[in-house]
């Protein structure tokens, strides 16, 4: 009996390893090595694009297919225009602690996809290219970014057909691939003063952490399914417990090495994609 159990465990591990190898080598691998160039707000959708407000609504950005316009509010004074040319915006977010924005852009070059993360200042005419990843497969794009202005570390989630990779970019302009135990990743976050990545493992319905030394572990409570909502500036982490239908039914808050506690039950279960950090803090 014990030999049969060992046989099936080894077979399962080999099969899982083969699937991960196929995904990494064929579905997501760049056609050549990536290169580096040094150099939780939600949008309001309008008929002329998407509108994003800065932390205190001092500035507003309107993103359309061909340009990004940045305005001073409330007078709606146009401060600058970024013409995109052949680039497209897949991600946009104002920083939480200063009037700067991050934009994830992509463009197709010779049949491959190139993505870049840039930083935009409404008061200057140029923009800083933080990192560029070249020769990615078609349809790859930056869909989420987790950053810490205290550690100067940025994590980028690059997704193609719901399969994600994570890249880390630091203050020394070093870009590296971060290896996780899943390709099916939901939301990502980091802490203010600690270099770590907090992420959804959608295969196992857990919230995990990857620390700077490469170690990974589950941080959500056992015996239930959870989704990440985000982390605040006091390093509190917020997660949602799922019901049988996969909807968020309650909110938990916690800290690393401390654990999570129930903070409130939702009156009506909702899709976790509708839960924003600003809705649950407090």
C-alpha atoms as a PDB file:
ATOM      1  CA  UNK A   1       0.000   0.000   0.000  1.00  0.00           C
ATOM      2  CA  UNK A   2       2.794   2.394   0.934  1.00  0.00           C
ATOM      3  CA  UNK A   3       4.570   1.720  -2.392  1.00  0.00           C
ATOM      4  CA  UNK A   4       1.401   2.645  -4.298  1.00  0.00           C
ATOM      5  CA  UNK A   5       1.052   5.918  -2.371  1.00  0.00           C
ATOM      6  CA  UNK A   6       4.683   6.842  -3.055  1.00  0.00           C
ATOM      7  CA  UNK A   7       4.229   5.954  -6.742  1.00  0.00           C
ATOM      8  CA  UNK A   8       1.182   8.205  -7.159  1.00  0.00           C
ATOM      9  CA  UNK A   9       2.780  11.087  -5.241  1.00  0.00           C
ATOM     10  CA  UNK A  10       5.879  10.957  -7.462  1.00  0.00           C
ATOM     11  CA  UNK A  11       3.727  10.695 -10.582  1.00  0.00           C
ATOM     12  CA  UNK A  12       1.712  13.764  -9.518  1.00  0.00           C
ATOM     13  CA  UNK A  13       4.865  15.807  -8.852  1.00  0.00           C
ATOM     14  CA  UNK A  14       6.377  14.861 -12.217  1.00  0.00           C
ATOM     15  CA  UNK A  15       3.151  15.768 -14.048  1.00  0.00           C
ATOM     16  CA  UNK A  16       2.887  19.158 -12.269  1.00  0.00           C
ATOM     17  CA  UNK A  17       6.531  19.886 -12.983  1.00  0.00           C
ATOM     18  CA  UNK A  18       6.039  19.051 -16.654  1.00  0.00           C
ATOM     19  CA  UNK A  19       3.065  21.428 -16.900  1.00  0.00           C
ATOM     20  CA  UNK A  20       5.002  24.296 -15.279  1.00  0.00           C
ATOM     21  CA  UNK A  21       7.979  23.659 -17.553  1.00  0.00           C
ATOM     22  CA  UNK A  22       5.753  23.773 -20.632  1.00  0.00           C
ATOM     23  CA  UNK A  23       4.090  27.002 -19.522  1.00  0.00           C
ATOM     24  CA  UNK A  24       7.405  28.664 -18.788  1.00  0.00           C
ATOM     25  CA  UNK A  25       9.318  27.494 -21.827  1.00  0.00           C
ATOM     26  CA  UNK A  26       6.633  27.773 -24.496  1.00  0.00           C
ATOM     27  CA  UNK A  27       3.761  30.022 -23.429  1.00  0.00           C
ATOM     28  CA  UNK A  28       5.530  32.803 -21.565  1.00  0.00           C
ATOM     29  CA  UNK A  29       9.203  32.694 -22.359  1.00  0.00           C
ATOM     30  CA  UNK A  30      10.646  35.667 -24.313  1.00  0.00           C
ATOM     31  CA  UNK A  31      12.127  34.925 -27.717  1.00  0.00           C
ATOM     32  CA  UNK A  32      15.315  36.621 -26.467  1.00  0.00           C
ATOM     33  CA  UNK A  33      16.525  37.816 -23.041  1.00  0.00           C
ATOM     34  CA  UNK A  34      14.746  40.856 -21.646  1.00  0.00           C
ATOM     35  CA  UNK A  35      16.574  44.156 -21.592  1.00  0.00           C
ATOM     36  CA  UNK A  36      16.548  47.049 -19.162  1.00  0.00           C
ATOM     37  CA  UNK A  37      16.406  50.730 -20.034  1.00  0.00           C
ATOM     38  CA  UNK A  38      17.467  52.998 -17.203  1.00  0.00           C
ATOM     39  CA  UNK A  39      16.189  56.185 -17.394  1.00  0.00           C
ATOM     40  CA  UNK A  40      -5.425  51.652  -5.810  1.00  0.00           C
ATOM     41  CA  UNK A  41      -6.895  54.102  -7.879  1.00  0.00           C
ATOM     42  CA  UNK A  42      -9.704  52.853 -10.098  1.00  0.00           C
ATOM     43  CA  UNK A  43     -10.591  54.583 -13.382  1.00  0.00           C
ATOM     44  CA  UNK A  44     -13.818  56.317 -14.244  1.00  0.00           C
ATOM     45  CA  UNK A  45     -14.758  55.225 -17.756  1.00  0.00           C
ATOM     46  CA  UNK A  46     -16.026  57.968 -20.059  1.00  0.00           C
ATOM     47  CA  UNK A  47     -16.871  58.105 -23.735  1.00  0.00           C
ATOM     48  CA  UNK A  48     -13.467  59.673 -24.382  1.00  0.00           C
ATOM     49  CA  UNK A  49     -11.330  57.238 -22.407  1.00  0.00           C
ATOM     50  CA  UNK A  50     -10.606  56.458 -18.778  1.00  0.00           C
ATOM     51  CA  UNK A  51     -10.119  59.062 -16.057  1.00  0.00           C
ATOM     52  CA  UNK A  52      -7.804  58.595 -13.055  1.00  0.00           C
ATOM     53  CA  UNK A  53      -7.553  60.984 -10.085  1.00  0.00           C
ATOM     54  CA  UNK A  54      -4.442  61.509  -7.965  1.00  0.00           C
ATOM     55  CA  UNK A  55      -4.397  60.769  -4.225  1.00  0.00           C
ATOM     56  CA  UNK A  56      -6.017  64.079  -3.185  1.00  0.00           C
ATOM     57  CA  UNK A  57      -7.687  64.772  -6.562  1.00  0.00           C
ATOM     58  CA  UNK A  58      -5.241  67.589  -7.210  1.00  0.00           C
ATOM     59  CA  UNK A  59      -4.586  66.120 -10.642  1.00  0.00           C
ATOM     60  CA  UNK A  60      -6.552  64.076 -13.111  1.00  0.00           C
ATOM     61  CA  UNK A  61      -5.307  61.970 -16.007  1.00  0.00           C
ATOM     62  CA  UNK A  62      -7.395  61.034 -19.006  1.00  0.00           C
ATOM     63  CA  UNK A  63      -6.123  58.027 -20.948  1.00  0.00           C
ATOM     64  CA  UNK A  64      -7.303  57.484 -24.511  1.00  0.00           C
ATOM     65  CA  UNK A  65      -6.125  55.282 -27.355  1.00  0.00           C
ATOM     66  CA  UNK A  66      -3.568  57.784 -28.645  1.00  0.00           C
ATOM     67  CA  UNK A  67      -2.581  60.005 -25.705  1.00  0.00           C
ATOM     68  CA  UNK A  68      -2.476  60.677 -21.974  1.00  0.00           C
ATOM     69  CA  UNK A  69      -3.633  64.129 -20.856  1.00  0.00           C
ATOM     70  CA  UNK A  70      -2.867  65.354 -17.339  1.00  0.00           C
ATOM     71  CA  UNK A  71      -4.931  68.160 -15.811  1.00  0.00           C
ATOM     72  CA  UNK A  72      -4.688  70.312 -12.688  1.00  0.00           C
ATOM     73  CA  UNK A  73      -7.948  70.206 -10.761  1.00  0.00           C
ATOM     74  CA  UNK A  74     -10.512  71.514 -10.072  1.00  0.00           C
ATOM     75  CA  UNK A  75     -10.024  74.048 -12.875  1.00  0.00           C
ATOM     76  CA  UNK A  76      -9.244  71.188 -15.302  1.00  0.00           C
ATOM     77  CA  UNK A  77      -6.200  73.030 -16.615  1.00  0.00           C
ATOM     78  CA  UNK A  78      -4.249  70.944 -19.108  1.00  0.00           C
ATOM     79  CA  UNK A  79      -0.710  70.548 -17.769  1.00  0.00           C
ATOM     80  CA  UNK A  80       0.788  68.160 -20.299  1.00  0.00           C
ATOM     81  CA  UNK A  81      -0.001  65.738 -23.080  1.00  0.00           C
ATOM     82  CA  UNK A  82       1.839  62.470 -23.703  1.00  0.00           C
ATOM     83  CA  UNK A  83       1.352  61.317 -27.281  1.00  0.00           C
ATOM     84  CA  UNK A  84       1.520  57.540 -27.370  1.00  0.00           C
ATOM     85  CA  UNK A  85       2.341  56.997 -31.026  1.00  0.00           C
ATOM     86  CA  UNK A  86       2.324  53.241 -31.600  1.00  0.00           C
ATOM     87  CA  UNK A  87       2.179  52.476 -27.871  1.00  0.00           C
ATOM     88  CA  UNK A  88      -0.893  51.437 -25.900  1.00  0.00           C
ATOM     89  CA  UNK A  89      -1.631  51.791 -22.190  1.00  0.00           C
ATOM     90  CA  UNK A  90      -2.547  48.602 -20.316  1.00  0.00           C
ATOM     91  CA  UNK A  91      -2.060  49.941 -16.775  1.00  0.00           C
ATOM     92  CA  UNK A  92      -2.246  53.360 -15.122  1.00  0.00           C
ATOM     93  CA  UNK A  93      -2.050  54.411 -11.482  1.00  0.00           C
ATOM     94  CA  UNK A  94      -1.236  57.483  -9.439  1.00  0.00           C
ATOM     95  CA  UNK A  95       1.212  56.930  -6.571  1.00  0.00           C
ATOM     96  CA  UNK A  96      -0.299  56.951  -3.098  1.00  0.00           C
ATOM     97  CA  UNK A  97       2.192  59.361  -1.536  1.00  0.00           C
ATOM     98  CA  UNK A  98       3.133  61.850  -4.259  1.00  0.00           C
ATOM     99  CA  UNK A  99       1.803  63.425  -7.437  1.00  0.00           C
ATOM    100  CA  UNK A 100       3.411  61.012  -9.862  1.00  0.00           C
ATOM    101  CA  UNK A 101       1.810  58.332 -11.994  1.00  0.00           C
ATOM    102  CA  UNK A 102       2.916  54.935 -13.266  1.00  0.00           C
ATOM    103  CA  UNK A 103       1.918  53.801 -16.744  1.00  0.00           C
ATOM    104  CA  UNK A 104       2.364  50.331 -18.192  1.00  0.00           C
ATOM    105  CA  UNK A 105       2.601  50.473 -21.974  1.00  0.00           C
ATOM    106  CA  UNK A 106       3.024  47.953 -24.756  1.00  0.00           C
ATOM    107  CA  UNK A 107       3.857  47.964 -28.434  1.00  0.00           C
ATOM    108  CA  UNK A 108       4.312  45.322 -31.130  1.00  0.00           C
ATOM    109  CA  UNK A 109       7.741  45.173 -32.752  1.00  0.00           C
ATOM    110  CA  UNK A 110       8.519  42.712 -35.557  1.00  0.00           C
ATOM    111  CA  UNK A 111       5.827  40.292 -34.474  1.00  0.00           C
ATOM    112  CA  UNK A 112       6.809  40.348 -30.793  1.00  0.00           C
ATOM    113  CA  UNK A 113       5.513  42.343 -27.857  1.00  0.00           C
ATOM    114  CA  UNK A 114       7.496  44.947 -25.921  1.00  0.00           C
ATOM    115  CA  UNK A 115       6.281  46.292 -22.574  1.00  0.00           C
ATOM    116  CA  UNK A 116       7.595  49.165 -20.511  1.00  0.00           C
ATOM    117  CA  UNK A 117       6.822  50.818 -17.197  1.00  0.00           C
ATOM    118  CA  UNK A 118       7.154  54.608 -17.152  1.00  0.00           C
ATOM    119  CA  UNK A 119       6.772  57.287 -14.519  1.00  0.00           C
ATOM    120  CA  UNK A 120       4.887  60.460 -15.401  1.00  0.00           C
ATOM    121  CA  UNK A 121       5.047  63.847 -13.685  1.00  0.00           C
ATOM    122  CA  UNK A 122       2.221  66.295 -14.507  1.00  0.00           C
ATOM    123  CA  UNK A 123       4.619  69.237 -14.097  1.00  0.00           C
ATOM    124  CA  UNK A 124       7.396  68.142 -16.491  1.00  0.00           C
ATOM    125  CA  UNK A 125       7.440  67.433 -20.190  1.00  0.00           C
ATOM    126  CA  UNK A 126       9.474  64.238 -20.188  1.00  0.00           C
ATOM    127  CA  UNK A 127       8.976  60.868 -18.602  1.00  0.00           C
ATOM    128  CA  UNK A 128      11.257  58.308 -17.073  1.00  0.00           C
ATOM    129  CA  UNK A 129      11.365  54.796 -18.481  1.00  0.00           C
ATOM    130  CA  UNK A 130      11.842  52.570 -15.460  1.00  0.00           C
ATOM    131  CA  UNK A 131      12.089  49.213 -17.224  1.00  0.00           C
ATOM    132  CA  UNK A 132      11.539  47.667 -20.622  1.00  0.00           C
ATOM    133  CA  UNK A 133      11.031  43.972 -21.387  1.00  0.00           C
ATOM    134  CA  UNK A 134      11.510  43.123 -25.044  1.00  0.00           C
ATOM    135  CA  UNK A 135      10.602  40.233 -27.337  1.00  0.00           C
ATOM    136  CA  UNK A 136       7.706  38.886 -25.291  1.00  0.00           C
ATOM    137  CA  UNK A 137       5.022  36.712 -26.897  1.00  0.00           C
ATOM    138  CA  UNK A 138       2.045  38.417 -28.486  1.00  0.00           C
ATOM    139  CA  UNK A 139      -0.676  39.757 -26.168  1.00  0.00           C
ATOM    140  CA  UNK A 140       1.673  40.125 -23.172  1.00  0.00           C
ATOM    141  CA  UNK A 141       1.007  43.281 -21.168  1.00  0.00           C
ATOM    142  CA  UNK A 142       1.509  44.857 -17.752  1.00  0.00           C
ATOM    143  CA  UNK A 143      -1.725  44.434 -15.820  1.00  0.00           C
ATOM    144  CA  UNK A 144      -0.680  45.320 -12.269  1.00  0.00           C
ATOM    145  CA  UNK A 145       2.150  46.947 -10.327  1.00  0.00           C
ATOM    146  CA  UNK A 146       3.045  46.778  -6.631  1.00  0.00           C
ATOM    147  CA  UNK A 147       5.570  49.325  -5.421  1.00  0.00           C
ATOM    148  CA  UNK A 148       7.166  50.717  -2.279  1.00  0.00           C
ATOM    149  CA  UNK A 149       8.626  54.212  -2.315  1.00  0.00           C
ATOM    150  CA  UNK A 150      10.454  53.396   0.947  1.00  0.00           C
ATOM    151  CA  UNK A 151      12.376  50.435  -0.491  1.00  0.00           C
ATOM    152  CA  UNK A 152      12.323  51.701  -4.120  1.00  0.00           C
ATOM    153  CA  UNK A 153      11.273  48.257  -5.292  1.00  0.00           C
ATOM    154  CA  UNK A 154       8.641  47.742  -7.980  1.00  0.00           C
ATOM    155  CA  UNK A 155       6.947  44.447  -8.863  1.00  0.00           C
ATOM    156  CA  UNK A 156       5.342  44.192 -12.315  1.00  0.00           C
ATOM    157  CA  UNK A 157       2.745  41.596 -13.279  1.00  0.00           C
ATOM    158  CA  UNK A 158       3.010  40.751 -16.982  1.00  0.00           C
ATOM    159  CA  UNK A 159       0.114  38.627 -18.184  1.00  0.00           C
ATOM    160  CA  UNK A 160      -0.682  36.784 -21.369  1.00  0.00           C
ATOM    161  CA  UNK A 161      -3.958  34.864 -21.693  1.00  0.00           C
ATOM    162  CA  UNK A 162      -4.439  34.765 -17.888  1.00  0.00           C
ATOM    163  CA  UNK A 163      -0.954  33.350 -17.338  1.00  0.00           C
ATOM    164  CA  UNK A 164       1.262  35.708 -15.373  1.00  0.00           C
ATOM    165  CA  UNK A 165       4.911  36.361 -14.719  1.00  0.00           C
ATOM    166  CA  UNK A 166       6.304  38.711 -12.080  1.00  0.00           C
ATOM    167  CA  UNK A 167       9.324  40.969 -12.618  1.00  0.00           C
ATOM    168  CA  UNK A 168      11.140  42.916  -9.905  1.00  0.00           C
ATOM    169  CA  UNK A 169      12.823  46.278 -10.546  1.00  0.00           C
ATOM    170  CA  UNK A 170      14.932  47.938  -7.842  1.00  0.00           C
ATOM    171  CA  UNK A 171      16.683  51.246  -7.122  1.00  0.00           C
ATOM    172  CA  UNK A 172      19.840  50.013  -8.862  1.00  0.00           C
ATOM    173  CA  UNK A 173      17.847  49.630 -12.110  1.00  0.00           C
ATOM    174  CA  UNK A 174      18.165  45.843 -11.921  1.00  0.00           C
ATOM    175  CA  UNK A 175      15.317  43.928 -13.520  1.00  0.00           C
ATOM    176  CA  UNK A 176      14.816  40.261 -12.688  1.00  0.00           C
ATOM    177  CA  UNK A 177      12.219  37.542 -13.072  1.00  0.00           C
ATOM    178  CA  UNK A 178      10.592  36.456  -9.805  1.00  0.00           C
ATOM    179  CA  UNK A 179       9.776  32.749  -9.659  1.00  0.00           C
ATOM    180  CA  UNK A 180       6.527  31.788  -7.962  1.00  0.00           C
ATOM    181  CA  UNK A 181       4.818  28.451  -7.379  1.00  0.00           C
ATOM    182  CA  UNK A 182       1.945  29.349  -9.712  1.00  0.00           C
ATOM    183  CA  UNK A 183       1.295  31.119 -13.004  1.00  0.00           C
ATOM    184  CA  UNK A 184      -2.354  31.776 -12.151  1.00  0.00           C
ATOM    185  CA  UNK A 185      -1.958  35.003 -10.181  1.00  0.00           C
ATOM    186  CA  UNK A 186      -4.659  37.439  -9.104  1.00  0.00           C
ATOM    187  CA  UNK A 187      -3.867  40.670  -7.307  1.00  0.00           C
ATOM    188  CA  UNK A 188      -0.410  41.583  -6.063  1.00  0.00           C
ATOM    189  CA  UNK A 189       0.773  43.931  -3.292  1.00  0.00           C
ATOM    190  CA  UNK A 190       3.840  44.798  -1.256  1.00  0.00           C
ATOM    191  CA  UNK A 191       4.548  46.382   2.111  1.00  0.00           C
ATOM    192  CA  UNK A 192       5.723  49.929   2.729  1.00  0.00           C
ATOM    193  CA  UNK A 193       9.078  49.144   4.311  1.00  0.00           C
ATOM    194  CA  UNK A 194       9.683  45.483   3.472  1.00  0.00           C
ATOM    195  CA  UNK A 195      10.810  43.988   0.178  1.00  0.00           C
ATOM    196  CA  UNK A 196       8.268  41.228  -0.352  1.00  0.00           C
ATOM    197  CA  UNK A 197       5.521  40.258  -2.764  1.00  0.00           C
ATOM    198  CA  UNK A 198       2.027  39.354  -1.563  1.00  0.00           C
ATOM    199  CA  UNK A 199      -0.094  37.633  -4.203  1.00  0.00           C
ATOM    200  CA  UNK A 200      -3.177  35.550  -4.952  1.00  0.00           C
ATOM    201  CA  UNK A 201      -2.613  31.922  -5.904  1.00  0.00           C
ATOM    202  CA  UNK A 202      -5.801  31.401  -7.876  1.00  0.00           C
ATOM    203  CA  UNK A 203      -5.172  27.671  -8.292  1.00  0.00           C
ATOM    204  CA  UNK A 204      -5.160  27.024  -4.546  1.00  0.00           C
ATOM    205  CA  UNK A 205      -7.395  29.945  -3.510  1.00  0.00           C
ATOM    206  CA  UNK A 206      -4.792  31.184  -1.039  1.00  0.00           C
ATOM    207  CA  UNK A 207      -2.989  34.460  -0.375  1.00  0.00           C
ATOM    208  CA  UNK A 208       0.788  33.934  -0.360  1.00  0.00           C
ATOM    209  CA  UNK A 209       3.971  35.867   0.295  1.00  0.00           C
ATOM    210  CA  UNK A 210       7.347  35.695  -1.397  1.00  0.00           C
ATOM    211  CA  UNK A 211      10.081  37.267   0.698  1.00  0.00           C
ATOM    212  CA  UNK A 212      13.340  38.851  -0.461  1.00  0.00           C
ATOM    213  CA  UNK A 213      15.296  35.647   0.245  1.00  0.00           C
ATOM    214  CA  UNK A 214      13.059  33.711  -2.157  1.00  0.00           C
ATOM    215  CA  UNK A 215      11.062  31.803   0.462  1.00  0.00           C
ATOM    216  CA  UNK A 216       7.329  31.447  -0.149  1.00  0.00           C
ATOM    217  CA  UNK A 217       4.467  30.543   2.147  1.00  0.00           C
ATOM    218  CA  UNK A 218       0.705  30.817   2.536  1.00  0.00           C
ATOM    219  CA  UNK A 219      -0.406  33.621   4.851  1.00  0.00           C
ATOM    220  CA  UNK A 220      -4.200  33.345   4.568  1.00  0.00           C
ATOM    221  CA  UNK A 221      -6.000  31.281   7.239  1.00  0.00           C
ATOM    222  CA  UNK A 222      -6.499  27.549   6.584  1.00  0.00           C
ATOM    223  CA  UNK A 223      -9.681  25.641   5.745  1.00  0.00           C
ATOM    224  CA  UNK A 224     -11.237  28.342   3.537  1.00  0.00           C
ATOM    225  CA  UNK A 225     -10.728  30.198   0.256  1.00  0.00           C
ATOM    226  CA  UNK A 226      -9.433  33.763   0.132  1.00  0.00           C
ATOM    227  CA  UNK A 227      -8.556  36.611  -2.221  1.00  0.00           C
ATOM    228  CA  UNK A 228      -6.171  39.511  -1.682  1.00  0.00           C
ATOM    229  CA  UNK A 229      -7.621  43.014  -1.506  1.00  0.00           C
ATOM    230  CA  UNK A 230      -4.450  44.969  -0.721  1.00  0.00           C
ATOM    231  CA  UNK A 231      -2.111  46.375   1.936  1.00  0.00           C
ATOM    232  CA  UNK A 232      -2.255  49.821   3.529  1.00  0.00           C
ATOM    233  CA  UNK A 233       0.541  52.202   4.530  1.00  0.00           C
ATOM    234  CA  UNK A 234       0.692  50.692   8.035  1.00  0.00           C
ATOM    235  CA  UNK A 235       1.475  47.242   6.572  1.00  0.00           C
ATOM    236  CA  UNK A 236      -1.987  45.892   7.351  1.00  0.00           C
ATOM    237  CA  UNK A 237      -3.039  43.272   4.813  1.00  0.00           C
ATOM    238  CA  UNK A 238      -6.689  42.884   3.790  1.00  0.00           C
ATOM    239  CA  UNK A 239      -8.167  39.716   2.318  1.00  0.00           C
ATOM    240  CA  UNK A 240     -11.676  38.512   1.453  1.00  0.00           C
ATOM    241  CA  UNK A 241     -13.092  35.132   2.406  1.00  0.00           C
ATOM    242  CA  UNK A 242     -15.025  33.459  -0.412  1.00  0.00           C
ATOM    243  CA  UNK A 243     -18.350  31.666  -0.197  1.00  0.00           C
ATOM    244  CA  UNK A 244     -19.250  28.525  -2.156  1.00  0.00           C
ATOM    245  CA  UNK A 245     -20.004  30.584  -5.262  1.00  0.00           C
ATOM    246  CA  UNK A 246     -16.581  32.240  -5.174  1.00  0.00           C
ATOM    247  CA  UNK A 247     -17.905  35.626  -4.047  1.00  0.00           C
ATOM    248  CA  UNK A 248     -16.422  37.667  -1.219  1.00  0.00           C
ATOM    249  CA  UNK A 249     -18.557  37.301   1.909  1.00  0.00           C
ATOM    250  CA  UNK A 250     -16.342  38.721   4.684  1.00  0.00           C
ATOM    251  CA  UNK A 251     -13.255  40.873   5.170  1.00  0.00           C
ATOM    252  CA  UNK A 252     -10.216  39.913   7.231  1.00  0.00           C
ATOM    253  CA  UNK A 253      -7.319  42.156   8.254  1.00  0.00           C
ATOM    254  CA  UNK A 254      -3.938  41.043   9.508  1.00  0.00           C
ATOM    255  CA  UNK A 255      -0.184  41.473   9.658  1.00  0.00           C
ATOM    256  CA  UNK A 256       2.745  39.226   8.917  1.00  0.00           C
ATOM    257  CA  UNK A 257       3.698  36.920  11.799  1.00  0.00           C
ATOM    258  CA  UNK A 258       0.531  37.983  13.642  1.00  0.00           C
ATOM    259  CA  UNK A 259      -2.343  36.478  11.676  1.00  0.00           C
ATOM    260  CA  UNK A 260      -5.741  37.639  10.479  1.00  0.00           C
ATOM    261  CA  UNK A 261      -8.950  38.615  12.235  1.00  0.00           C
ATOM    262  CA  UNK A 262     -12.476  39.061  10.938  1.00  0.00           C
ATOM    263  CA  UNK A 263     -13.292  42.754  10.580  1.00  0.00           C
ATOM    264  CA  UNK A 264     -16.731  42.605   8.975  1.00  0.00           C
ATOM    265  CA  UNK A 265     -19.205  40.446   7.104  1.00  0.00           C
ATOM    266  CA  UNK A 266     -20.575  41.862   3.883  1.00  0.00           C
ATOM    267  CA  UNK A 267     -24.311  42.400   3.696  1.00  0.00           C
ATOM    268  CA  UNK A 268     -24.339  41.012   0.179  1.00  0.00           C
ATOM    269  CA  UNK A 269     -21.590  38.782  -1.277  1.00  0.00           C
ATOM    270  CA  UNK A 270     -19.766  40.501  -4.143  1.00  0.00           C
ATOM    271  CA  UNK A 271     -17.181  39.681  -6.754  1.00  0.00           C
ATOM    272  CA  UNK A 272     -13.753  40.323  -5.273  1.00  0.00           C
ATOM    273  CA  UNK A 273     -12.857  42.335  -8.375  1.00  0.00           C
ATOM    274  CA  UNK A 274     -15.275  44.968  -7.052  1.00  0.00           C
ATOM    275  CA  UNK A 275     -13.598  45.193  -3.647  1.00  0.00           C
ATOM    276  CA  UNK A 276     -11.148  48.095  -3.379  1.00  0.00           C
ATOM    277  CA  UNK A 277      -8.733  48.771  -0.561  1.00  0.00           C
ATOM    278  CA  UNK A 278     -10.362  52.136   0.101  1.00  0.00           C
ATOM    279  CA  UNK A 279     -13.685  50.347   0.668  1.00  0.00           C
ATOM    280  CA  UNK A 280     -12.411  48.131   3.479  1.00  0.00           C
ATOM    281  CA  UNK A 281      -9.885  50.288   5.343  1.00  0.00           C
ATOM    282  CA  UNK A 282     -11.249  51.567   8.581  1.00  0.00           C
END
